[in-house]
């Protein structure tokens, strides 16, 4: 796949530039170098170039010496084997580079230039084909006829450009026409059988505004190649240049000029048929190989008298030109002022557009920040709601803890009261035991019972102490403590009952002891039992 370097020269063509750039990039050609050479535009073109900057091989924006100078600088920054340029007001058609690749890949090394068909787009958006039939190359038709090679459809080898020399900076209107003639003089020319590009026709195009100056430039260029002051093609270019002025300003032209123009119009059709059967100046090979030059010579000889009057026509045009120099100079000054005013207006408009763009960006940034603030407020509200829920949960937990603490305190108070009662019962028991001890009982069975009761009391007291210690150690185990307390209460109740029984027995014993003063102790049932047991022992 050959490497292709495409250069787009531009100067204040912002209204068309993006279409041109997109048409190159959308080709999807993988081995492409694309360079944009801007001549210092002030119409917003730079913003468009920066938009596609990452897809460009290189670009620059600086004053230059004209289109040829810009193109040669652009070609020097590339390395492609093949070169092409696309003016900012033209654009490529889909598949153009693929068709180029297919043709160039099979092209002989002697082929220095390739061109194809294309379309022309007017200001109303209407299209027409540039070629009325499939393209055909004939150098004689190119030299003596019109420039039938549509510039944006061309591709040429870097080696060919190096051989024939660079684009000539002195040409403002026909530097491409001159290059085709120089390359075709030393290299073969091939045809791409595919629509390649679209050229725009608009009021600001160089072809439209060139006028007689454009014709003079083409005439001088053709003369340098053909060695003749006039060719059939130059005659047609002259008709194209002057006929509109003839229709609009016939009264201002001399009789000689009007007569010559009418003669040119009459003879133009016959001259065109020398190049193709349809008479449209586009070669179709109908003249046969090597015969076109002979037919051109016949036409020139046949209309020699017609060509002789060209000098008179030129002198008449020169006089008309001299007469209008002052008016032209005044018009140029006025146009310059208008251009300066327009440039100033454009600069102000551009500044206003930039300010509006900044305001839009600021508004967008403000909206983005406002949206962020709204999101943050929403998040804060959600966090506040979550915090309130958590706070409510904490309050509930504190309330539950307070209730548990109150319940625990009540239970502790109950335990304290029970412990106090136990202490009181212990004190009462001690007092009662002391009373029993003071009785100095002599009955062994009673002492034995008392000893057993005392041992049982000590065991129970130990149990009570163990239970109390467990209550103190496992305060968290409320249910276990309640169960222990309940058991302890039952035991205390049993102990109280036993103490009550013991107290009753002591009272009975006291009563019995009191009776001993009246009776023999041995007659007391308990003593009698004691003596009986003693005898048995």
Protein backbone atom coordinates (compact mmCIF):
# COMPACT_ATOMS: atom_id res chain seq x y z
CA UNK A 1 0.00 0.00 0.00
CA UNK A 2 1.71 3.23 -1.15
CA UNK A 3 2.13 6.02 1.38
CA UNK A 4 0.03 9.03 0.46
CA UNK A 5 0.68 12.62 1.59
CA UNK A 6 -2.32 14.94 1.28
CA UNK A 7 -2.00 18.70 1.86
CA UNK A 8 -4.91 21.12 2.35
CA UNK A 9 -4.05 24.82 1.82
CA UNK A 10 -6.58 27.22 3.34
CA UNK A 11 -7.13 30.89 4.05
CA UNK A 12 -10.37 32.03 5.67
CA UNK A 13 -12.30 29.05 4.30
CA UNK A 14 -13.83 28.09 7.65
CA UNK A 15 -17.29 27.56 6.18
CA UNK A 16 -15.95 24.70 4.00
CA UNK A 17 -12.82 23.53 5.85
CA UNK A 18 -14.41 20.94 8.13
CA UNK A 19 -16.05 19.16 5.20
CA UNK A 20 -12.68 18.92 3.47
CA UNK A 21 -10.90 17.59 6.56
CA UNK A 22 -13.61 15.05 7.31
CA UNK A 23 -13.62 13.81 3.71
CA UNK A 24 -9.90 12.98 4.01
CA UNK A 25 -10.07 11.33 7.44
CA UNK A 26 -13.24 9.37 6.64
CA UNK A 27 -11.42 7.55 3.81
CA UNK A 28 -9.85 5.32 6.48
CA UNK A 29 -6.62 5.05 4.47
CA UNK A 30 -4.08 3.46 6.85
CA UNK A 31 -0.90 4.73 5.18
CA UNK A 32 -1.86 8.41 5.12
CA UNK A 33 -0.05 11.64 6.00
CA UNK A 34 -2.45 14.58 6.25
CA UNK A 35 -1.10 18.12 6.59
CA UNK A 36 -3.12 21.35 6.81
CA UNK A 37 -1.38 24.60 5.79
CA UNK A 38 -3.37 27.64 6.93
CA UNK A 39 -2.27 31.05 5.67
CA UNK A 40 -3.18 32.89 8.91
CA UNK A 41 -6.99 32.72 8.88
CA UNK A 42 -9.08 34.98 11.11
CA UNK A 43 -12.50 33.37 10.55
CA UNK A 44 -12.45 30.51 13.07
CA UNK A 45 -10.56 28.08 10.84
CA UNK A 46 -8.00 27.49 13.61
CA UNK A 47 -10.68 26.19 15.97
CA UNK A 48 -11.75 23.69 13.31
CA UNK A 49 -8.16 22.55 12.74
CA UNK A 50 -7.60 22.11 16.49
CA UNK A 51 -10.74 19.98 16.67
CA UNK A 52 -9.06 17.39 14.40
CA UNK A 53 -5.48 18.07 15.49
CA UNK A 54 -4.86 14.59 16.92
CA UNK A 55 -5.72 13.03 13.53
CA UNK A 56 -3.35 15.28 11.55
CA UNK A 57 0.27 14.57 10.77
CA UNK A 58 1.08 18.28 11.03
CA UNK A 59 -0.51 21.71 10.62
CA UNK A 60 0.52 25.34 10.74
CA UNK A 61 -1.10 28.75 10.57
CA UNK A 62 1.14 31.54 9.32
CA UNK A 63 1.27 33.98 6.40
CA UNK A 64 2.73 32.54 3.18
CA UNK A 65 3.57 33.66 -0.36
CA UNK A 66 0.46 32.14 -1.89
CA UNK A 67 -1.07 28.75 -2.55
CA UNK A 68 1.95 27.30 -4.39
CA UNK A 69 4.26 28.31 -1.54
CA UNK A 70 1.93 26.75 1.05
CA UNK A 71 1.65 23.50 -0.93
CA UNK A 72 5.40 23.08 -1.41
CA UNK A 73 5.98 23.68 2.32
CA UNK A 74 3.34 21.09 3.09
CA UNK A 75 4.78 18.50 0.69
CA UNK A 76 8.23 18.99 2.24
CA UNK A 77 6.85 18.04 5.67
CA UNK A 78 5.60 14.67 4.39
CA UNK A 79 7.31 11.50 3.26
CA UNK A 80 4.67 9.96 0.98
CA UNK A 81 5.59 8.29 -2.30
CA UNK A 82 2.43 9.82 -3.80
CA UNK A 83 1.20 13.38 -3.30
CA UNK A 84 -2.16 15.12 -3.57
CA UNK A 85 -3.74 18.35 -2.47
CA UNK A 86 -7.31 19.18 -1.58
CA UNK A 87 -8.37 22.80 -1.47
CA UNK A 88 -10.42 23.76 1.59
CA UNK A 89 -13.57 24.37 -0.49
CA UNK A 90 -13.49 20.90 -2.15
CA UNK A 91 -14.00 17.44 -0.68
CA UNK A 92 -13.32 13.79 -1.52
CA UNK A 93 -16.04 11.26 -2.33
CA UNK A 94 -16.32 7.95 -0.42
CA UNK A 95 -13.99 5.25 -1.75
CA UNK A 96 -11.66 7.74 -3.44
CA UNK A 97 -8.48 6.55 -1.72
CA UNK A 98 -9.40 2.89 -2.17
CA UNK A 99 -9.72 3.49 -5.93
CA UNK A 100 -6.38 5.33 -5.88
CA UNK A 101 -4.74 2.44 -4.00
CA UNK A 102 -6.00 -0.11 -6.51
CA UNK A 103 -4.83 1.94 -9.52
CA UNK A 104 -1.50 3.05 -8.03
CA UNK A 105 -0.70 -0.48 -6.87
CA UNK A 106 -0.90 -1.73 -10.45
CA UNK A 107 0.61 1.38 -12.07
CA UNK A 108 3.84 1.26 -14.05
CA UNK A 109 6.76 3.20 -12.57
CA UNK A 110 6.69 5.45 -15.63
CA UNK A 111 3.28 6.78 -14.61
CA UNK A 112 3.82 10.07 -12.80
CA UNK A 113 0.23 11.35 -12.64
CA UNK A 114 -3.18 9.77 -11.97
CA UNK A 115 -6.56 11.51 -12.26
CA UNK A 116 -10.21 10.50 -12.20
CA UNK A 117 -13.71 11.81 -12.69
CA UNK A 118 -15.58 14.05 -10.28
CA UNK A 119 -18.51 16.37 -9.71
CA UNK A 120 -19.13 20.10 -9.47
CA UNK A 121 -21.36 21.55 -6.73
CA UNK A 122 -22.87 25.02 -7.17
CA UNK A 123 -24.05 27.43 -4.48
CA UNK A 124 -27.60 26.09 -4.68
CA UNK A 125 -26.43 22.59 -3.83
CA UNK A 126 -26.93 21.25 -7.36
CA UNK A 127 -24.40 18.73 -8.68
CA UNK A 128 -23.29 17.96 -12.20
CA UNK A 129 -20.71 15.58 -13.59
CA UNK A 130 -17.42 17.16 -14.58
CA UNK A 131 -16.77 14.59 -17.31
CA UNK A 132 -19.60 13.90 -19.81
CA UNK A 133 -18.05 10.49 -20.53
CA UNK A 134 -15.35 8.25 -19.00
CA UNK A 135 -12.07 10.18 -18.56
CA UNK A 136 -9.44 9.95 -21.28
CA UNK A 137 -5.98 11.51 -21.41
CA UNK A 138 -4.53 13.22 -24.46
CA UNK A 139 -1.65 15.66 -23.95
CA UNK A 140 -2.34 17.52 -27.20
CA UNK A 141 -5.91 18.20 -26.04
CA UNK A 142 -4.54 19.39 -22.69
CA UNK A 143 -1.99 21.69 -24.35
CA UNK A 144 -4.18 23.19 -27.10
CA UNK A 145 -7.58 22.85 -25.52
CA UNK A 146 -8.88 23.33 -21.97
CA UNK A 147 -7.64 22.02 -18.65
CA UNK A 148 -9.91 18.97 -18.46
CA UNK A 149 -8.07 17.50 -15.45
CA UNK A 150 -10.04 18.25 -12.29
CA UNK A 151 -7.41 19.18 -9.72
CA UNK A 152 -8.90 17.48 -6.56
CA UNK A 153 -9.07 14.16 -8.47
CA UNK A 154 -5.29 14.05 -9.07
CA UNK A 155 -2.46 12.07 -7.43
CA UNK A 156 1.16 12.40 -8.56
CA UNK A 157 4.45 10.79 -7.59
CA UNK A 158 6.92 12.66 -5.43
CA UNK A 159 9.63 11.52 -7.85
CA UNK A 160 7.77 13.22 -10.72
CA UNK A 161 7.52 16.49 -8.77
CA UNK A 162 11.22 16.29 -7.96
CA UNK A 163 12.03 15.70 -11.63
CA UNK A 164 9.93 18.49 -13.19
CA UNK A 165 10.44 20.98 -10.37
CA UNK A 166 8.14 22.55 -7.76
CA UNK A 167 4.86 24.36 -8.26
CA UNK A 168 5.62 27.80 -9.67
CA UNK A 169 4.93 30.54 -7.14
CA UNK A 170 4.41 33.16 -9.87
CA UNK A 171 1.19 31.42 -10.94
CA UNK A 172 -1.86 32.28 -8.91
CA UNK A 173 -4.59 30.69 -11.06
CA UNK A 174 -3.00 27.94 -13.18
CA UNK A 175 -0.19 26.39 -11.12
CA UNK A 176 -1.96 23.00 -11.36
CA UNK A 177 -2.48 23.27 -15.16
CA UNK A 178 1.21 24.07 -15.56
CA UNK A 179 2.18 21.06 -13.38
CA UNK A 180 0.06 18.63 -15.42
CA UNK A 181 1.75 19.82 -18.64
CA UNK A 182 5.24 19.52 -17.16
CA UNK A 183 4.66 16.03 -15.68
CA UNK A 184 2.93 14.71 -18.83
CA UNK A 185 5.91 15.90 -20.91
CA UNK A 186 8.24 13.44 -19.09
CA UNK A 187 5.96 10.81 -17.54
CA UNK A 188 2.95 8.74 -18.48
CA UNK A 189 -0.48 9.69 -17.17
CA UNK A 190 -3.01 7.13 -15.89
CA UNK A 191 -6.76 7.29 -15.34
CA UNK A 192 -8.67 6.21 -12.19
CA UNK A 193 -12.06 4.88 -13.25
CA UNK A 194 -13.91 6.02 -10.15
CA UNK A 195 -15.44 9.33 -8.99
CA UNK A 196 -12.81 10.92 -6.77
CA UNK A 197 -13.86 14.38 -5.57
CA UNK A 198 -16.32 17.28 -5.66
CA UNK A 199 -15.26 20.83 -6.56
CA UNK A 200 -17.36 23.73 -5.33
CA UNK A 201 -18.41 26.65 -7.52
CA UNK A 202 -19.00 29.79 -5.46
CA UNK A 203 -18.64 33.53 -5.85
CA UNK A 204 -15.39 33.71 -3.86
CA UNK A 205 -13.60 30.97 -5.83
CA UNK A 206 -10.45 32.06 -7.68
CA UNK A 207 -11.83 30.84 -11.00
CA UNK A 208 -14.90 33.04 -10.58
CA UNK A 209 -13.07 36.23 -9.53
CA UNK A 210 -9.95 35.89 -11.73
CA UNK A 211 -11.37 37.68 -14.77
CA UNK A 212 -9.04 38.90 -17.47
CA UNK A 213 -6.00 38.64 -15.17
CA UNK A 214 -6.64 34.90 -14.93
CA UNK A 215 -6.84 34.60 -18.71
CA UNK A 216 -3.59 36.51 -19.19
CA UNK A 217 -1.84 34.20 -16.72
CA UNK A 218 -3.13 31.09 -18.52
CA UNK A 219 -2.20 32.60 -21.90
CA UNK A 220 1.37 33.25 -20.77
CA UNK A 221 1.69 29.75 -19.30
CA UNK A 222 0.31 28.01 -22.42
CA UNK A 223 2.55 30.11 -24.67
CA UNK A 224 5.59 28.92 -22.73
CA UNK A 225 4.61 25.28 -23.36
CA UNK A 226 3.06 25.46 -26.87
CA UNK A 227 5.29 28.17 -28.38
CA UNK A 228 2.19 29.98 -29.71
CA UNK A 229 0.47 33.17 -28.55
CA UNK A 230 -2.97 31.71 -29.11
CA UNK A 231 -4.54 28.23 -29.07
CA UNK A 232 -8.12 27.03 -29.51
CA UNK A 233 -8.35 26.52 -25.76
CA UNK A 234 -7.15 30.05 -25.03
CA UNK A 235 -9.82 31.35 -27.39
CA UNK A 236 -12.48 29.48 -25.43
CA UNK A 237 -11.11 30.76 -22.11
CA UNK A 238 -11.25 34.28 -23.55
CA UNK A 239 -14.88 33.82 -24.61
CA UNK A 240 -15.73 32.51 -21.12
CA UNK A 241 -14.04 35.56 -19.58
CA UNK A 242 -15.41 38.32 -21.82
CA UNK A 243 -18.82 37.11 -22.97
CA UNK A 244 -20.60 37.86 -19.66
CA UNK A 245 -19.18 41.39 -19.79
CA UNK A 246 -20.34 41.69 -23.41
CA UNK A 247 -23.93 40.91 -22.46
CA UNK A 248 -23.98 43.25 -19.46
CA UNK A 249 -21.83 46.12 -20.75
CA UNK A 250 -22.13 45.94 -24.55
CA UNK A 251 -22.58 49.70 -24.82
CA UNK A 252 -19.25 50.28 -23.08
CA UNK A 253 -17.21 48.16 -25.49
CA UNK A 254 -15.79 49.34 -28.77
CA UNK A 255 -17.25 47.97 -32.05
CA UNK A 256 -14.03 46.05 -32.69
CA UNK A 257 -14.29 44.24 -29.35
CA UNK A 258 -17.94 43.36 -29.89
CA UNK A 259 -17.25 42.14 -33.46
CA UNK A 260 -14.34 39.97 -32.36
CA UNK A 261 -16.33 38.43 -29.55
CA UNK A 262 -19.23 37.56 -31.80
CA UNK A 263 -16.81 35.99 -34.27
CA UNK A 264 -15.25 34.00 -31.45
CA UNK A 265 -18.66 32.72 -30.35
CA UNK A 266 -19.50 31.61 -33.89
CA UNK A 267 -16.22 29.79 -34.43
CA UNK A 268 -15.94 28.25 -30.95
CA UNK A 269 -18.11 25.23 -31.73
CA UNK A 270 -16.03 24.31 -34.77
CA UNK A 271 -12.80 24.61 -32.78
CA UNK A 272 -14.12 22.40 -29.97
CA UNK A 273 -15.02 19.61 -32.41
CA UNK A 274 -11.34 19.31 -33.24
CA UNK A 275 -10.82 17.74 -29.81
CA UNK A 276 -13.77 15.39 -29.52
CA UNK A 277 -16.78 14.34 -31.55
CA UNK A 278 -19.23 15.95 -29.11
CA UNK A 279 -17.49 19.32 -29.21
CA UNK A 280 -17.23 19.68 -25.40
CA UNK A 281 -13.40 19.96 -25.19
CA UNK A 282 -13.09 16.68 -23.22
CA UNK A 283 -10.95 14.23 -25.28
CA UNK A 284 -12.53 10.89 -26.02
CA UNK A 285 -9.95 9.42 -28.40
CA UNK A 286 -12.15 9.94 -31.46
CA UNK A 287 -9.42 11.85 -33.30
CA UNK A 288 -7.20 8.79 -33.38
CA UNK A 289 -3.63 8.44 -32.22
CA UNK A 290 -1.35 11.16 -33.55
CA UNK A 291 -4.10 12.88 -35.54
CA UNK A 292 -5.23 15.44 -32.98
CA UNK A 293 -2.22 17.72 -33.59
CA UNK A 294 -2.94 17.66 -37.33
CA UNK A 295 -6.57 18.58 -36.74
CA UNK A 296 -5.52 21.42 -34.42
CA UNK A 297 -3.13 22.72 -37.09
CA UNK A 298 -5.95 22.59 -39.68
CA UNK A 299 -8.25 24.57 -37.41
CA UNK A 300 -5.59 27.17 -36.71
CA UNK A 301 -4.83 27.56 -40.44
CA UNK A 302 -8.50 27.71 -41.37
CA UNK A 303 -9.17 30.52 -38.94
CA UNK A 304 -5.90 32.39 -39.40
CA UNK A 305 -7.69 35.62 -40.22
CA UNK A 306 -9.72 35.18 -37.11
CA UNK A 307 -6.58 34.78 -35.01
CA UNK A 308 -4.97 37.81 -36.71
CA UNK A 309 -7.72 39.98 -35.30
CA UNK A 310 -6.77 38.88 -31.82
CA UNK A 311 -4.01 41.51 -31.66
CA UNK A 312 -6.55 44.21 -32.47
CA UNK A 313 -8.82 42.75 -29.84
CA UNK A 314 -6.01 42.79 -27.32
CA UNK A 315 -5.15 46.42 -28.12
CA UNK A 316 -8.80 47.37 -27.75
CA UNK A 317 -8.95 45.59 -24.43
CA UNK A 318 -5.74 47.32 -23.35
CA UNK A 319 -7.28 50.75 -24.17
CA UNK A 320 -10.41 49.80 -22.32
CA UNK A 321 -8.26 48.59 -19.48
CA UNK A 322 -6.26 51.83 -19.38
CA UNK A 323 -9.45 53.86 -19.42
CA UNK A 324 -10.71 51.94 -16.38
CA UNK A 325 -7.48 51.99 -14.36
CA UNK A 326 -8.55 54.98 -12.30
CA UNK A 327 -11.95 53.50 -11.63
CA UNK A 328 -10.36 50.17 -10.83
CA UNK A 329 -7.94 51.78 -8.41
CA UNK A 330 -10.78 53.61 -6.69
CA UNK A 331 -12.75 50.39 -6.56
CA UNK A 332 -9.75 48.57 -5.12
CA UNK A 333 -9.35 51.20 -2.41
CA UNK A 334 -13.03 51.00 -1.62
CA UNK A 335 -12.85 47.22 -1.62
CA UNK A 336 -9.83 47.36 0.68
CA UNK A 337 -11.74 49.55 3.11
CA UNK A 338 -14.69 47.21 2.91
CA UNK A 339 -12.41 44.23 3.53
CA UNK A 340 -10.83 45.98 6.51
CA UNK A 341 -14.28 46.83 7.84
CA UNK A 342 -15.41 43.27 7.20
CA UNK A 343 -12.30 41.90 8.88
CA UNK A 344 -12.93 44.17 11.88
CA UNK A 345 -16.57 43.07 11.96
CA UNK A 346 -15.53 39.45 11.67
CA UNK A 347 -13.02 39.91 14.49
CA UNK A 348 -15.69 41.44 16.69
CA UNK A 349 -18.12 38.71 15.72
CA UNK A 350 -15.49 36.10 16.49
CA UNK A 351 -14.82 37.74 19.85
CA UNK A 352 -18.55 37.79 20.55
CA UNK A 353 -18.81 34.14 19.55
CA UNK A 354 -15.90 33.24 21.81
CA UNK A 355 -17.49 35.19 24.67
CA UNK A 356 -20.81 33.47 24.04
CA UNK A 357 -19.02 30.13 23.97
CA UNK A 358 -17.32 30.93 27.28
CA UNK A 359 -20.68 31.97 28.76
CA UNK A 360 -22.19 28.69 27.57
CA UNK A 361 -19.27 26.78 29.08
CA UNK A 362 -19.64 28.75 32.33
CA UNK A 363 -23.38 28.05 32.35
CA UNK A 364 -22.73 24.37 31.72
CA UNK A 365 -20.13 24.37 34.51
CA UNK A 366 -22.59 26.16 36.83
CA UNK A 367 -25.30 23.64 36.03
CA UNK A 368 -22.86 20.81 36.69
CA UNK A 369 -21.91 22.35 40.03
CA UNK A 370 -25.57 22.94 40.92
CA UNK A 371 -26.32 19.33 40.10
CA UNK A 372 -23.40 18.26 42.31
CA UNK A 373 -24.73 20.46 45.15
CA UNK A 374 -28.21 18.94 44.76
CA UNK A 375 -26.71 15.46 44.89
CA UNK A 376 -24.71 16.42 47.98
CA UNK A 377 -27.82 17.87 49.66
CA UNK A 378 -29.71 14.68 48.89
CA UNK A 379 -26.87 12.63 50.35
CA UNK A 380 -26.85 14.87 53.44
CA UNK A 381 -30.62 14.44 53.84
CA UNK A 382 -30.22 10.68 53.55
CA UNK A 383 -27.35 10.78 56.06
CA UNK A 384 -29.44 12.94 58.42
CA UNK A 385 -32.35 10.50 58.14
CA UNK A 386 -29.98 7.61 58.82
CA UNK A 387 -28.44 9.51 61.75
CA UNK A 388 -31.92 10.19 63.23
CA UNK A 389 -32.78 6.50 62.90
CA UNK A 390 -29.52 5.54 64.58
CA UNK A 391 -30.11 8.13 67.33
CA UNK A 392 -33.60 6.74 67.91
CA UNK A 393 -32.12 3.24 68.14
CA UNK A 394 -29.54 4.49 70.64
CA UNK A 395 -32.30 6.15 72.72
CA UNK A 396 -34.28 2.93 72.70
CA UNK A 397 -31.18 1.01 73.74
CA UNK A 398 -30.48 3.51 76.56
CA UNK A 399 -34.08 3.20 77.71
CA UNK A 400 -33.79 -0.57 77.71
CA UNK A 401 -30.52 -0.30 79.64
CA UNK A 402 -32.18 2.03 82.15
CA UNK A 403 -35.08 -0.40 82.54
CA UNK A 404 -32.62 -3.30 82.93
CA UNK A 405 -30.65 -1.24 85.47
CA UNK A 406 -33.86 -0.45 87.38
CA UNK A 407 -34.84 -4.12 87.33
CA UNK A 408 -31.34 -5.08 88.46
CA UNK A 409 -31.47 -2.51 91.26
CA UNK A 410 -34.86 -3.83 92.37
CA UNK A 411 -33.50 -7.34 92.35
CA UNK A 412 -30.43 -6.26 94.31
CA UNK A 413 -32.69 -4.53 96.79
CA UNK A 414 -34.73 -7.71 97.15
CA UNK A 415 -31.54 -9.70 97.70
CA UNK A 416 -30.39 -7.16 100.29
CA UNK A 417 -33.68 -7.42 102.08
CA UNK A 418 -33.46 -11.20 102.00
CA UNK A 419 -29.89 -11.07 103.25
CA UNK A 420 -30.99 -8.77 106.08
CA UNK A 421 -33.74 -11.15 106.95
CA UNK A 422 -31.21 -13.98 106.89
CA UNK A 423 -28.96 -12.01 109.21
CA UNK A 424 -31.89 -11.33 111.53
CA UNK A 425 -32.87 -15.01 111.43
CA UNK A 426 -29.26 -15.93 112.15
CA UNK A 427 -29.18 -13.55 115.05
CA UNK A 428 -32.46 -14.94 116.36
CA UNK A 429 -31.17 -18.47 115.87
CA UNK A 430 -27.98 -17.64 117.69
CA UNK A 431 -29.95 -16.17 120.53
CA UNK A 432 -32.13 -19.21 120.71
CA UNK A 433 -29.10 -21.55 120.56
CA UNK A 434 -27.51 -19.53 123.33
CA UNK A 435 -30.68 -19.98 125.36
CA UNK A 436 -30.60 -23.69 124.68
CA UNK A 437 -26.92 -23.83 125.70
CA UNK A 438 -27.73 -21.99 128.89
CA UNK A 439 -30.28 -24.67 129.79
CA UNK A 440 -27.30 -27.00 130.10
CA UNK A 441 -29.20 -29.96 128.84
CA UNK A 442 -28.01 -33.23 130.09
CA UNK A 443 -30.05 -35.39 127.81
CA UNK A 444 -27.63 -37.01 125.32
CA UNK A 445 -30.27 -37.59 122.73
CA UNK A 446 -31.19 -33.91 122.81
CA UNK A 447 -27.53 -32.89 122.52
CA UNK A 448 -27.14 -35.31 119.64
CA UNK A 449 -30.16 -33.81 117.91
CA UNK A 450 -28.89 -30.34 118.62
CA UNK A 451 -25.45 -31.33 117.25
CA UNK A 452 -27.05 -32.73 114.12
CA UNK A 453 -29.17 -29.61 113.78
CA UNK A 454 -26.08 -27.44 114.23
CA UNK A 455 -24.20 -29.42 111.59
CA UNK A 456 -27.16 -29.14 109.28
CA UNK A 457 -27.32 -25.41 109.94
CA UNK A 458 -23.62 -25.00 109.19
CA UNK A 459 -24.03 -26.88 105.93
CA UNK A 460 -26.98 -24.77 105.04
CA UNK A 461 -25.10 -21.63 105.99
CA UNK A 462 -22.27 -22.79 103.75
CA UNK A 463 -24.77 -23.34 100.97
CA UNK A 464 -26.18 -19.89 101.59
CA UNK A 465 -22.69 -18.39 101.48
CA UNK A 466 -21.88 -20.27 98.25
CA UNK A 467 -25.13 -19.11 96.71
CA UNK A 468 -24.42 -15.55 97.79
CA UNK A 469 -20.94 -15.74 96.26
CA UNK A 470 -22.40 -17.12 93.02
CA UNK A 471 -24.93 -14.29 92.96
CA UNK A 472 -22.12 -11.76 93.35
CA UNK A 473 -19.94 -13.43 90.68
CA UNK A 474 -22.71 -13.98 88.09
CA UNK A 475 -24.80 -10.85 88.37
CA UNK A 476 -25.18 -10.87 84.59
CA UNK A 477 -26.93 -14.24 84.70
CA UNK A 478 -30.18 -12.89 86.01
CA UNK A 479 -32.27 -15.97 85.39
CA UNK A 480 -29.78 -18.22 87.17
CA UNK A 481 -29.69 -15.84 90.13
CA UNK A 482 -33.46 -15.72 90.33
CA UNK A 483 -33.55 -19.49 90.38
CA UNK A 484 -30.89 -19.57 93.09
CA UNK A 485 -32.79 -16.93 95.07
CA UNK A 486 -35.97 -18.92 94.77
CA UNK A 487 -34.16 -22.06 95.96
CA UNK A 488 -32.57 -20.06 98.76
CA UNK A 489 -35.91 -18.70 99.84
CA UNK A 490 -37.31 -22.20 99.96
CA UNK A 491 -34.36 -23.38 102.02
CA UNK A 492 -34.76 -20.41 104.35
CA UNK A 493 -38.42 -21.25 104.71
CA UNK A 494 -37.50 -24.85 105.52
CA UNK A 495 -34.90 -23.60 108.00
CA UNK A 496 -37.42 -21.29 109.58
CA UNK A 497 -39.83 -24.18 109.91
CA UNK A 498 -37.11 -26.31 111.47
CA UNK A 499 -36.15 -23.50 113.82
CA UNK A 500 -39.79 -23.11 114.73
CA UNK A 501 -40.00 -26.84 115.41
CA UNK A 502 -36.80 -26.63 117.47
CA UNK A 503 -38.20 -23.68 119.35
CA UNK A 504 -41.34 -25.60 120.10
CA UNK A 505 -39.26 -28.53 121.29
CA UNK A 506 -37.18 -26.19 123.47
CA UNK A 507 -40.30 -24.71 124.98
CA UNK A 508 -41.61 -28.19 125.61
CA UNK A 509 -38.27 -29.17 127.07
CA UNK A 510 -38.31 -26.12 129.29
CA UNK A 511 -41.71 -27.07 130.47
CA UNK A 512 -40.51 -30.57 131.13
CA UNK A 513 -37.50 -29.27 133.04
CA UNK A 514 -39.78 -27.18 135.12
CA UNK A 515 -41.76 -30.22 136.00
CA UNK A 516 -38.63 -32.03 137.20
CA UNK A 517 -38.75 -30.03 140.32
CA UNK A 518 -41.98 -31.78 141.14
CA UNK A 519 -41.24 -35.23 139.76
CA UNK A 520 -38.40 -37.65 139.63
CA UNK A 521 -36.40 -37.06 136.60
CA UNK A 522 -36.39 -40.67 135.84
CA UNK A 523 -40.15 -40.67 135.54
CA UNK A 524 -39.91 -38.06 132.69
CA UNK A 525 -40.63 -39.78 129.41
CA UNK A 526 -37.49 -38.54 127.84
CA UNK A 527 -35.36 -39.50 130.80
CA UNK A 528 -37.09 -42.78 131.04
CA UNK A 529 -36.21 -43.36 127.45
CA UNK A 530 -32.65 -42.30 128.19
CA UNK A 531 -32.33 -44.76 131.06
CA UNK A 532 -33.90 -47.52 129.04
CA UNK A 533 -31.42 -46.93 126.21
CA UNK A 534 -28.62 -46.80 128.75
CA UNK A 535 -29.49 -50.17 130.11
CA UNK A 536 -29.54 -51.64 126.69
CA UNK A 537 -26.16 -50.13 125.90
